[in-house]
Amino acid sequence: MWQKVKIQLMLSMSFLVTVFWYCRRLYGFLAQLLKRWSDYLQRKLIKNRSVLAEVDLLGYSAREWKGETKQAKHMREAYNELFWNCHIKYLRQVKKDNYCVLRAVLFQILSQGIPFPSWMRERDILKLPEKLLYSQGCNWIQQYSFGPERYTGPNAFGKLRKCMETLKTNWIEISGTKDHEERGNLCNTLFSDESKEHRLYEAIKFIMLYEVVEAYEQIKNREEPIPHLFSRLLARDTSSDPLSFMMNHLNSIGDSGCLDQVEIFLLGYLLEVKIRVYRLHRFNTEEFQVNYPDEYRREWNEISLLTEDDRYYHIPVIRT
């Protein structure tokens, strides 16, 4: 009897040891698989980021502007000026495409938790496309083009509404996040999703168009004075009215063109931020530091941009 029990116990113990060994191997395999998948997602997220992590400013300058050419020396001197006298110690590189300035501005607004502009809180921005189309009779917005997508047609109205929803939802969620690290993670995720990003920028472009239409109507009806930047924008032969502004300027942004200087004035005005731009190619001139717009309110938040050519922009990081 004892021999039978002993054999049964040994068989049971062997079975349990075997099961334990296989479970341990399976656990190790799954843990390794999970780690590889996590690393893959992390690499993909970093690779897709359109705004990179901070890098040392002078190190970046040394890498990008090697040699002893006149331009390289000029740029290194400009970067030294930023480092020693403007307290800019780091730099965040921004993806170089035709949404570049919109990306650099919007990333800072969201990462700093800057709330909706006051006028956007007073109105429902989701209704702006509808108001422009029906209340103000601007049926030409069907010719609106969505950057590299180059879409125009009867569905432009619906696409614009989706863009406005994306902007409002993400802005409210991120600006409402009080923890700085969590807000940074939300921004990194958002600015790694190209399709969402593009909807944000198209929403901003449309709000620029809406503001120009409003200003144009005020000028025609001789109502209250408008900011000087609108007079400057509408004085151009290529944007003398809202339709020509859309066709000749806005439609190309994100595709074949980027924002002009006067349009950055408009961008700062409608987002209610003071945009300070360090223009390195203008170092040692009065145009080295420029504010957009030049007419701003004291209570507006301030963000900074850095450019070497007035086309592509990066984010300077100030440390005092």
Protein backbone atom coordinates (compact mmCIF):
# COMPACT_ATOMS: atom_id res chain seq x y z
CA MET A 1 0.00 0.00 0.00
CA TRP A 2 2.78 2.39 1.00
CA GLN A 3 4.68 1.64 -2.22
CA LYS A 4 1.64 2.54 -4.31
CA VAL A 5 1.11 5.80 -2.38
CA LYS A 6 4.82 6.61 -2.71
CA ILE A 7 4.78 6.09 -6.48
CA GLN A 8 1.62 8.19 -6.79
CA LEU A 9 3.21 11.00 -4.77
CA MET A 10 6.36 10.92 -6.86
CA LEU A 11 4.36 11.04 -10.07
CA SER A 12 2.32 13.98 -8.72
CA MET A 13 5.45 15.83 -7.64
CA SER A 14 7.08 15.26 -11.02
CA PHE A 15 3.96 16.53 -12.75
CA LEU A 16 3.83 19.67 -10.55
CA VAL A 17 7.55 20.37 -11.11
CA THR A 18 7.06 20.00 -14.87
CA VAL A 19 4.01 22.31 -14.83
CA PHE A 20 5.89 24.85 -12.71
CA TRP A 21 8.86 24.75 -15.10
CA TYR A 22 6.66 25.27 -18.16
CA CYS A 23 4.72 28.08 -16.45
CA ARG A 24 7.98 29.77 -15.54
CA ARG A 25 9.23 29.48 -19.13
CA LEU A 26 5.90 30.81 -20.43
CA TYR A 27 5.99 33.73 -18.00
CA GLY A 28 9.55 34.59 -19.06
CA PHE A 29 8.57 34.37 -22.73
CA LEU A 30 5.49 36.59 -22.27
CA ALA A 31 7.48 39.11 -20.20
CA GLN A 32 10.14 39.30 -22.90
CA LEU A 33 7.47 39.62 -25.62
CA LEU A 34 5.73 42.40 -23.68
CA LYS A 35 9.02 44.24 -23.18
CA ARG A 36 9.85 44.02 -26.88
CA TRP A 37 6.39 45.29 -27.81
CA SER A 38 6.68 48.15 -25.30
CA ASP A 39 10.13 49.08 -26.65
CA TYR A 40 8.78 48.98 -30.21
CA LEU A 41 5.88 51.27 -29.34
CA GLN A 42 8.24 53.62 -27.49
CA ARG A 43 10.63 53.77 -30.45
CA LYS A 44 7.72 54.33 -32.83
CA LEU A 45 6.34 57.09 -30.62
CA ILE A 46 9.72 58.83 -30.44
CA LYS A 47 10.29 58.37 -34.18
CA ASN A 48 6.89 59.87 -35.00
CA ARG A 49 7.25 62.85 -32.67
CA SER A 50 7.12 66.10 -34.54
CA VAL A 51 8.59 67.98 -31.55
CA LEU A 52 11.74 66.36 -30.16
CA ALA A 53 13.13 66.37 -26.62
CA GLU A 54 15.38 69.15 -25.35
CA VAL A 55 19.00 69.27 -26.54
CA ASP A 56 21.85 71.50 -25.40
CA LEU A 57 21.75 74.76 -27.38
CA LEU A 58 25.50 75.24 -27.90
CA GLY A 59 25.95 71.55 -28.71
CA TYR A 60 23.26 71.83 -31.38
CA SER A 61 24.91 74.97 -32.76
CA ALA A 62 28.32 73.26 -32.98
CA ARG A 63 26.86 70.26 -34.81
CA GLU A 64 24.73 72.24 -37.26
CA TRP A 65 27.15 75.06 -38.06
CA LYS A 66 30.60 73.54 -38.48
CA GLY A 67 33.34 75.16 -40.50
CA GLU A 68 34.68 78.67 -40.87
CA THR A 69 32.37 80.14 -43.49
CA LYS A 70 30.97 83.60 -42.84
CA GLN A 71 27.45 82.20 -42.36
CA ALA A 72 28.59 79.46 -39.95
CA LYS A 73 30.49 81.96 -37.80
CA HIS A 74 27.50 84.33 -37.83
CA MET A 75 25.13 81.60 -36.68
CA ARG A 76 27.43 80.37 -33.91
CA GLU A 77 27.75 83.96 -32.63
CA ALA A 78 23.94 84.27 -32.66
CA TYR A 79 23.55 81.03 -30.68
CA ASN A 80 26.18 82.22 -28.18
CA GLU A 81 24.19 85.43 -27.74
CA LEU A 82 21.06 83.41 -26.96
CA PHE A 83 22.92 81.21 -24.47
CA TRP A 84 24.77 83.88 -22.52
CA ASN A 85 22.46 86.90 -22.69
CA CYS A 86 18.94 85.56 -23.34
CA HIS A 87 19.10 82.65 -20.83
CA ILE A 88 18.24 80.12 -23.56
CA LYS A 89 20.09 76.94 -22.64
CA TYR A 90 18.21 74.27 -24.58
CA LEU A 91 16.36 73.75 -27.83
CA ARG A 92 13.48 71.55 -28.96
CA GLN A 93 13.69 70.73 -32.66
CA VAL A 94 10.44 70.94 -34.61
CA LYS A 95 9.67 68.89 -37.71
CA LYS A 96 10.57 70.89 -40.81
CA ASP A 97 7.49 71.02 -42.99
CA ASN A 98 5.03 73.72 -44.01
CA TYR A 99 3.08 73.39 -40.74
CA CYS A 100 6.25 74.14 -38.78
CA VAL A 101 5.36 77.50 -37.23
CA LEU A 102 1.81 76.38 -36.37
CA ARG A 103 3.25 73.26 -34.71
CA ALA A 104 5.83 75.20 -32.68
CA VAL A 105 3.24 77.71 -31.46
CA LEU A 106 0.48 75.23 -30.66
CA PHE A 107 2.84 72.80 -28.90
CA GLN A 108 3.95 75.53 -26.51
CA ILE A 109 0.41 76.72 -25.85
CA LEU A 110 -0.73 73.20 -24.95
CA SER A 111 2.39 72.14 -23.04
CA GLN A 112 2.24 75.31 -20.92
CA GLY A 113 -1.45 74.75 -20.18
CA ILE A 114 -2.48 78.10 -21.66
CA PRO A 115 -6.31 78.19 -21.70
CA PHE A 116 -8.65 78.99 -24.58
CA PRO A 117 -8.46 82.64 -25.75
CA SER A 118 -11.18 84.77 -24.16
CA TRP A 119 -13.09 85.31 -27.42
CA MET A 120 -13.14 81.55 -28.11
CA ARG A 121 -14.62 80.93 -24.66
CA GLU A 122 -17.40 83.41 -25.40
CA ARG A 123 -18.31 81.77 -28.72
CA ASP A 124 -18.74 78.14 -29.73
CA ILE A 125 -15.91 77.66 -32.22
CA LEU A 126 -17.61 74.50 -33.52
CA LYS A 127 -20.23 76.76 -35.10
CA LEU A 128 -17.77 79.03 -36.92
CA PRO A 129 -17.85 77.06 -40.21
CA GLU A 130 -21.65 77.05 -40.10
CA LYS A 131 -21.78 80.78 -39.35
CA LEU A 132 -19.41 81.61 -42.19
CA LEU A 133 -21.29 79.45 -44.67
CA TYR A 134 -24.90 80.29 -43.82
CA SER A 135 -25.00 83.56 -41.85
CA GLN A 136 -22.40 85.41 -43.89
CA GLY A 137 -23.00 83.69 -47.24
CA CYS A 138 -19.40 82.59 -47.80
CA ASN A 139 -20.24 79.55 -49.92
CA TRP A 140 -16.78 79.83 -51.47
CA ILE A 141 -15.33 78.03 -48.42
CA GLN A 142 -16.02 74.83 -50.39
CA GLN A 143 -12.79 75.77 -52.18
CA TYR A 144 -10.90 75.50 -48.89
CA SER A 145 -7.90 73.17 -49.23
CA PHE A 146 -6.65 70.98 -46.37
CA GLY A 147 -2.88 71.33 -46.70
CA PRO A 148 -1.08 68.31 -48.17
CA GLU A 149 -4.45 66.54 -48.54
CA ARG A 150 -5.42 69.15 -51.16
CA TYR A 151 -9.09 68.33 -50.67
CA THR A 152 -11.72 70.75 -51.92
CA GLY A 153 -15.37 70.03 -52.53
CA PRO A 154 -18.85 69.80 -51.00
CA ASN A 155 -17.60 67.93 -47.93
CA ALA A 156 -15.26 70.74 -46.90
CA PHE A 157 -17.82 71.98 -44.36
CA GLY A 158 -18.01 68.60 -42.60
CA LYS A 159 -14.22 68.21 -42.59
CA LEU A 160 -13.79 71.69 -41.12
CA ARG A 161 -16.22 70.87 -38.30
CA LYS A 162 -14.18 67.73 -37.44
CA CYS A 163 -11.03 69.84 -37.36
CA MET A 164 -12.66 72.32 -34.97
CA GLU A 165 -13.85 69.45 -32.73
CA THR A 166 -10.32 68.01 -32.59
CA LEU A 167 -8.85 71.39 -31.63
CA LYS A 168 -11.45 72.15 -28.96
CA THR A 169 -11.43 68.66 -27.39
CA ASN A 170 -7.63 68.38 -27.15
CA TRP A 171 -7.09 71.97 -26.03
CA ILE A 172 -9.64 71.66 -23.20
CA GLU A 173 -8.31 68.27 -22.08
CA ILE A 174 -4.62 69.22 -22.08
CA SER A 175 -4.98 72.73 -20.64
CA GLY A 176 -7.18 71.26 -17.89
CA THR A 177 -4.41 68.84 -16.85
CA LYS A 178 -2.63 70.43 -13.91
CA ASP A 179 0.24 67.96 -13.53
CA HIS A 180 3.11 69.20 -15.70
CA GLU A 181 4.53 65.74 -16.45
CA GLU A 182 1.14 64.29 -17.38
CA ARG A 183 0.44 67.30 -19.61
CA GLY A 184 3.79 66.77 -21.31
CA ASN A 185 2.96 63.12 -21.98
CA LEU A 186 -0.39 64.10 -23.49
CA CYS A 187 1.37 66.58 -25.78
CA ASN A 188 3.97 64.02 -26.84
CA THR A 189 1.20 61.56 -27.73
CA LEU A 190 -0.83 64.17 -29.63
CA PHE A 191 2.17 65.45 -31.57
CA SER A 192 3.02 61.90 -32.63
CA ASP A 193 -0.32 61.42 -34.40
CA GLU A 194 0.02 63.04 -37.82
CA SER A 195 -3.65 62.96 -38.80
CA LYS A 196 -4.75 64.58 -35.52
CA GLU A 197 -1.97 67.14 -35.79
CA HIS A 198 -3.06 68.16 -39.26
CA ARG A 199 -6.64 68.63 -38.08
CA LEU A 200 -5.39 70.98 -35.35
CA TYR A 201 -3.50 73.11 -37.86
CA GLU A 202 -6.39 73.20 -40.33
CA ALA A 203 -8.66 74.39 -37.52
CA ILE A 204 -6.23 77.23 -36.72
CA LYS A 205 -6.04 78.13 -40.41
CA PHE A 206 -9.82 78.31 -40.61
CA ILE A 207 -10.02 80.52 -37.50
CA MET A 208 -7.52 82.84 -39.21
CA LEU A 209 -9.86 82.97 -42.22
CA TYR A 210 -12.86 83.63 -39.98
CA GLU A 211 -11.08 86.55 -38.29
CA VAL A 212 -10.16 88.06 -41.67
CA VAL A 213 -13.79 87.80 -42.83
CA GLU A 214 -14.96 89.55 -39.64
CA ALA A 215 -12.40 92.34 -40.06
CA TYR A 216 -13.24 92.75 -43.76
CA GLU A 217 -16.94 93.15 -42.95
CA GLN A 218 -16.15 95.74 -40.28
CA ILE A 219 -14.09 97.72 -42.78
CA LYS A 220 -16.86 97.58 -45.39
CA ASN A 221 -19.53 98.65 -42.90
CA ARG A 222 -17.23 101.27 -41.35
CA GLU A 223 -17.79 99.90 -37.89
CA GLU A 224 -15.40 100.09 -34.91
CA PRO A 225 -11.66 100.40 -35.67
CA ILE A 226 -9.80 97.16 -36.31
CA PRO A 227 -6.20 96.25 -35.35
CA HIS A 228 -3.59 97.54 -37.77
CA LEU A 229 -2.46 94.02 -38.68
CA PHE A 230 -5.69 93.46 -40.66
CA SER A 231 -5.11 96.61 -42.69
CA ARG A 232 -1.58 95.41 -43.40
CA LEU A 233 -2.80 91.95 -44.43
CA LEU A 234 -5.64 93.23 -46.66
CA ALA A 235 -3.33 95.80 -48.27
CA ARG A 236 -1.48 93.03 -50.11
CA ASP A 237 -2.47 92.53 -53.74
CA THR A 238 -2.70 88.80 -53.11
CA SER A 239 -5.05 89.09 -50.10
CA SER A 240 -7.21 92.16 -50.71
CA ASP A 241 -10.33 90.25 -49.59
CA PRO A 242 -11.05 87.02 -47.66
CA LEU A 243 -11.45 84.86 -50.78
CA SER A 244 -8.09 85.89 -52.25
CA PHE A 245 -6.48 85.47 -48.80
CA MET A 246 -7.77 81.89 -48.70
CA MET A 247 -6.92 81.00 -52.29
CA ASN A 248 -3.48 82.65 -52.45
CA HIS A 249 -2.20 82.06 -48.93
CA LEU A 250 -4.15 79.80 -46.57
CA ASN A 251 -4.74 76.96 -49.03
CA SER A 252 -1.01 76.46 -49.60
CA ILE A 253 -0.09 76.37 -45.89
CA GLY A 254 0.85 72.82 -44.96
CA ASP A 255 1.34 71.87 -48.62
CA SER A 256 3.62 74.12 -50.64
CA GLY A 257 3.82 77.22 -48.45
CA CYS A 258 4.11 78.38 -44.84
CA LEU A 259 2.98 81.45 -42.87
CA ASP A 260 4.29 84.86 -43.93
CA GLN A 261 5.36 87.40 -41.31
CA VAL A 262 2.03 89.26 -41.40
CA GLU A 263 0.18 85.96 -40.91
CA ILE A 264 2.22 85.24 -37.77
CA PHE A 265 0.97 88.62 -36.47
CA LEU A 266 -2.57 87.35 -37.09
CA LEU A 267 -1.77 84.01 -35.43
CA GLY A 268 -0.60 85.67 -32.22
CA TYR A 269 -3.60 88.00 -32.22
CA LEU A 270 -6.29 85.32 -32.55
CA LEU A 271 -4.62 82.95 -30.04
CA GLU A 272 -4.01 85.86 -27.65
CA VAL A 273 -0.33 85.10 -27.13
CA LYS A 274 2.73 87.28 -27.54
CA ILE A 275 5.07 85.37 -29.86
CA ARG A 276 8.70 86.41 -29.39
CA VAL A 277 10.83 85.27 -32.32
CA TYR A 278 14.64 85.14 -32.26
CA ARG A 279 15.72 85.55 -35.89
CA LEU A 280 19.30 84.29 -35.97
CA HIS A 281 19.97 85.34 -39.56
CA ARG A 282 19.18 88.92 -38.40
CA PHE A 283 21.70 88.85 -35.54
CA ASN A 284 23.29 92.25 -34.80
CA THR A 285 20.30 94.09 -36.31
CA GLU A 286 17.13 95.59 -34.81
CA GLU A 287 15.18 92.67 -36.26
CA PHE A 288 17.01 90.03 -34.20
CA GLN A 289 14.14 89.89 -31.68
CA VAL A 290 10.63 90.52 -32.97
CA ASN A 291 7.25 90.31 -31.23
CA TYR A 292 4.14 89.06 -33.02
CA PRO A 293 1.84 90.91 -32.87
CA ASP A 294 3.50 94.21 -32.00
CA GLU A 295 0.18 95.36 -30.48
CA TYR A 296 -0.49 92.96 -27.61
CA ARG A 297 -2.15 93.07 -24.21
CA ARG A 298 -0.19 92.87 -21.01
CA GLU A 299 -2.17 89.89 -19.71
CA TRP A 300 -1.39 87.69 -22.73
CA ASN A 301 0.93 84.72 -22.21
CA GLU A 302 4.29 84.75 -23.98
CA ILE A 303 5.86 81.98 -26.04
CA SER A 304 9.14 81.95 -27.95
CA LEU A 305 10.33 80.73 -31.33
CA LEU A 306 13.76 80.50 -32.91
CA THR A 307 14.40 80.61 -36.64
CA GLU A 308 17.47 80.60 -38.85
CA ASP A 309 15.66 81.55 -42.08
CA ASP A 310 12.06 82.77 -41.38
CA ARG A 311 10.77 79.47 -42.77
CA TYR A 312 11.45 76.74 -40.24
CA TYR A 313 11.12 77.29 -36.50
CA HIS A 314 12.34 75.57 -33.34
CA ILE A 315 11.40 76.03 -29.67
CA PRO A 316 13.97 77.75 -27.42
CA VAL A 317 13.93 76.64 -23.79
CA ILE A 318 14.73 79.38 -21.28
CA ARG A 319 16.49 78.56 -17.99
CA THR A 320 17.23 81.42 -15.58
